[in-house]
Amino acid sequence: MKHLFFLIALVATPAMAQDFSEGSEAKTWNLYAEQPARFEAKVVDILCELTGDCPDNCGAGNRQLGLVRSADNVLVFPNKNAQAAFTGAVQELLPYCTQTVEVDGLLLEDEYLGAKNIYLVQRIRVLDSDEWVRANSWTKVWAENHPDAAGKGPWFRRDPRVLAEIASEGYFGLGLVQDEEIKDDLFE
């Protein structure tokens, strides 16, 4: 009977994820299931890793980048940088395309939510270097690439791509006719 209890407990308990928190200086975002994580990884083009479709320079910023962690060869999905918006991971990692670097940030993993190897990169360091680079350049680069969109307020309220999408599909993304109907209902 005690062996049966042990077997049930073993099956019911999720496998322990490897701990990458040692030495991490990551700042918390107070997100559910976040853990500080510092590890070495190769910066890769995710589509290239999965399909073999591998353009030069990891797609030159037009494709999602990933981190193949050196410790266990797991593909980690970095989906934001150290800034407040959930943007910037590609911008921060692209200069390191195909290089092995050390990263420091937050790892999100929760089997019940289906989150596995989601990463928020805060710092990047080339191996054999003492210098860490803060992963916070996305909005500066965005502003340089969109000088006509200068102004106050959040970047996305001025982004030409966002404004074009709203002009085409409406604020709710359901089409301009539905958008007007919803606005009429909301603001009567």
Protein backbone atom coordinates (compact mmCIF):
# COMPACT_ATOMS: atom_id res chain seq x y z
CA MET A 1 0.00 0.00 0.00
CA LYS A 2 2.79 2.44 0.84
CA HIS A 3 4.38 1.77 -2.60
CA LEU A 4 1.07 2.61 -4.27
CA PHE A 5 0.87 5.91 -2.35
CA PHE A 6 4.45 6.76 -3.39
CA LEU A 7 3.71 5.95 -7.05
CA ILE A 8 0.55 8.12 -7.04
CA ALA A 9 2.44 10.98 -5.40
CA LEU A 10 5.23 10.69 -7.97
CA VAL A 11 2.84 10.74 -10.94
CA ALA A 12 0.75 13.59 -9.49
CA THR A 13 3.79 15.79 -8.81
CA PRO A 14 5.12 17.71 -11.83
CA ALA A 15 8.75 17.13 -12.68
CA MET A 16 10.99 19.68 -11.04
CA ALA A 17 12.27 22.23 -13.52
CA GLN A 18 15.96 22.98 -13.49
CA ASP A 19 16.83 25.99 -11.32
CA PHE A 20 18.59 28.78 -13.22
CA SER A 21 18.26 31.45 -10.51
CA GLU A 22 21.84 31.31 -9.21
CA GLY A 23 23.61 34.62 -9.83
CA SER A 24 20.56 36.24 -11.40
CA GLU A 25 20.06 39.95 -10.78
CA ALA A 26 16.73 40.06 -12.62
CA LYS A 27 14.16 42.56 -11.41
CA THR A 28 10.77 41.10 -10.61
CA TRP A 29 7.67 41.98 -12.62
CA ASN A 30 5.47 40.29 -10.02
CA LEU A 31 4.10 38.00 -12.70
CA TYR A 32 2.56 34.70 -11.75
CA ALA A 33 5.06 31.83 -12.13
CA GLU A 34 8.09 34.09 -12.75
CA GLN A 35 11.50 32.93 -11.57
CA PRO A 36 14.86 34.70 -11.94
CA ALA A 37 16.93 32.88 -14.54
CA ARG A 38 20.49 33.39 -15.72
CA PHE A 39 21.95 30.98 -18.26
CA GLU A 40 24.10 30.60 -21.36
CA ALA A 41 22.31 30.10 -24.67
CA LYS A 42 22.76 30.34 -28.42
CA VAL A 43 20.64 33.06 -30.08
CA VAL A 44 18.68 31.43 -32.92
CA ASP A 45 15.94 32.12 -35.44
CA ILE A 46 13.09 29.95 -34.11
CA LEU A 47 11.64 29.19 -37.55
CA CYS A 48 15.11 28.17 -38.72
CA GLU A 49 15.49 25.85 -35.72
CA LEU A 50 12.13 24.20 -36.34
CA THR A 51 11.97 24.01 -40.14
CA GLY A 52 15.45 24.57 -41.56
CA ASP A 53 14.31 27.79 -43.32
CA CYS A 54 17.32 29.92 -42.37
CA PRO A 55 17.75 33.37 -43.93
CA ASP A 56 20.87 35.42 -43.26
CA ASN A 57 21.16 37.32 -39.97
CA CYS A 58 18.29 35.45 -38.29
CA GLY A 59 15.79 37.13 -40.61
CA ALA A 60 17.15 40.67 -40.01
CA GLY A 61 14.63 41.39 -37.27
CA ASN A 62 11.57 40.10 -39.12
CA ARG A 63 11.43 36.73 -37.36
CA GLN A 64 11.03 35.61 -33.78
CA LEU A 65 14.31 34.78 -32.09
CA GLY A 66 14.91 32.14 -29.47
CA LEU A 67 17.54 30.96 -27.05
CA VAL A 68 18.82 27.38 -27.16
CA ARG A 69 19.93 26.93 -23.56
CA SER A 70 23.41 25.39 -23.27
CA ALA A 71 22.69 23.46 -20.05
CA ASP A 72 19.94 21.28 -21.51
CA ASN A 73 19.54 22.18 -25.22
CA VAL A 74 16.00 23.51 -24.58
CA LEU A 75 14.56 26.16 -26.92
CA VAL A 76 13.50 29.13 -24.77
CA PHE A 77 11.07 31.75 -26.13
CA PRO A 78 12.12 35.32 -25.18
CA ASN A 79 9.03 37.46 -25.70
CA LYS A 80 9.98 40.77 -24.08
CA ASN A 81 12.87 42.88 -22.97
CA ALA A 82 13.37 44.85 -19.73
CA GLN A 83 10.97 47.64 -20.70
CA ALA A 84 7.34 47.88 -19.64
CA ALA A 85 5.79 46.93 -22.99
CA PHE A 86 5.77 43.29 -24.05
CA THR A 87 8.10 44.05 -26.96
CA GLY A 88 11.75 44.21 -27.75
CA ALA A 89 13.20 40.73 -27.40
CA VAL A 90 14.09 40.44 -31.09
CA GLN A 91 15.57 43.95 -31.14
CA GLU A 92 17.78 43.14 -28.16
CA LEU A 93 18.94 39.71 -29.30
CA LEU A 94 19.43 40.29 -33.05
CA PRO A 95 23.00 41.67 -32.69
CA TYR A 96 23.93 38.29 -31.15
CA CYS A 97 22.41 36.12 -33.91
CA THR A 98 24.03 32.62 -33.84
CA GLN A 99 26.30 33.60 -30.92
CA THR A 100 26.31 31.94 -27.53
CA VAL A 101 25.64 34.56 -24.86
CA GLU A 102 24.70 34.70 -21.21
CA VAL A 103 21.28 36.17 -20.44
CA ASP A 104 19.66 37.26 -17.21
CA GLY A 105 15.94 37.77 -16.80
CA LEU A 106 12.74 36.08 -15.73
CA LEU A 107 11.59 32.62 -16.76
CA LEU A 108 7.86 31.86 -16.75
CA GLU A 109 6.82 28.26 -16.39
CA ASP A 110 3.49 26.88 -15.23
CA GLU A 111 2.08 23.61 -16.49
CA TYR A 112 -1.49 24.54 -15.59
CA LEU A 113 -1.37 27.72 -17.69
CA GLY A 114 0.59 26.00 -20.43
CA ALA A 115 3.52 28.40 -20.00
CA LYS A 116 6.78 26.65 -20.74
CA ASN A 117 10.16 28.31 -21.25
CA ILE A 118 8.79 31.84 -21.72
CA TYR A 119 11.56 34.33 -21.05
CA LEU A 120 11.76 38.04 -20.26
CA VAL A 121 15.33 39.07 -21.11
CA GLN A 122 16.74 41.92 -19.01
CA ARG A 123 20.50 41.69 -19.61
CA ILE A 124 22.79 40.12 -22.21
CA ARG A 125 26.49 39.41 -21.97
CA VAL A 126 28.85 38.08 -24.62
CA LEU A 127 30.79 35.14 -23.20
CA ASP A 128 34.27 35.99 -21.93
CA SER A 129 33.18 39.59 -21.32
CA ASP A 130 32.52 41.30 -18.02
CA GLU A 131 30.18 43.84 -19.61
CA TRP A 132 26.43 43.29 -19.45
CA VAL A 133 24.17 45.09 -21.92
CA ARG A 134 20.79 46.19 -20.58
CA ALA A 135 17.96 44.92 -22.78
CA ASN A 136 16.09 48.21 -22.92
CA SER A 137 16.78 49.76 -26.33
CA TRP A 138 13.52 48.93 -28.12
CA THR A 139 11.67 52.25 -27.69
CA LYS A 140 14.81 54.26 -28.55
CA VAL A 141 15.30 52.26 -31.74
CA TRP A 142 11.57 52.55 -32.52
CA ALA A 143 11.78 56.36 -32.18
CA GLU A 144 14.84 56.48 -34.46
CA ASN A 145 13.02 54.39 -37.06
CA HIS A 146 9.84 56.52 -36.86
CA PRO A 147 10.95 60.17 -36.61
CA ASP A 148 7.62 61.36 -38.04
CA ALA A 149 5.80 59.71 -35.12
CA ALA A 150 7.40 61.90 -32.45
CA GLY A 151 5.12 63.13 -29.68
CA LYS A 152 3.88 62.52 -26.18
CA GLY A 153 2.28 59.41 -24.86
CA PRO A 154 2.85 55.71 -25.53
CA TRP A 155 4.64 54.76 -28.75
CA PHE A 156 1.79 52.55 -29.98
CA ARG A 157 -0.60 55.53 -30.19
CA ARG A 158 1.73 57.01 -32.84
CA ASP A 159 3.07 53.90 -34.56
CA PRO A 160 2.28 54.03 -38.31
CA ARG A 161 1.63 50.27 -38.45
CA VAL A 162 -0.84 50.44 -35.55
CA LEU A 163 -2.60 53.49 -37.02
CA ALA A 164 -2.86 51.79 -40.44
CA GLU A 165 -4.39 48.70 -38.83
CA ILE A 166 -6.94 50.80 -36.93
CA ALA A 167 -7.80 52.72 -40.12
CA SER A 168 -8.34 49.40 -41.92
CA GLU A 169 -9.98 47.23 -39.24
CA GLY A 170 -11.20 49.64 -36.56
CA TYR A 171 -10.22 49.88 -32.91
CA PHE A 172 -11.79 46.53 -32.06
CA GLY A 173 -10.37 44.67 -35.08
CA LEU A 174 -13.82 43.63 -36.30
CA GLY A 175 -14.07 45.97 -39.29
CA LEU A 176 -15.04 49.62 -39.63
CA VAL A 177 -18.83 49.04 -39.70
CA GLN A 178 -18.78 46.89 -36.56
CA ASP A 179 -16.39 49.35 -34.95
CA GLU A 180 -18.87 52.21 -35.41
CA GLU A 181 -21.74 50.08 -34.06
CA ILE A 182 -19.76 49.17 -30.97
CA LYS A 183 -18.68 52.77 -30.39
CA ASP A 184 -22.31 53.90 -30.74
CA ASP A 185 -23.39 51.33 -28.14
CA LEU A 186 -20.56 52.19 -25.76
CA PHE A 187 -20.80 55.96 -25.98
CA GLU A 188 -24.56 56.66 -26.26
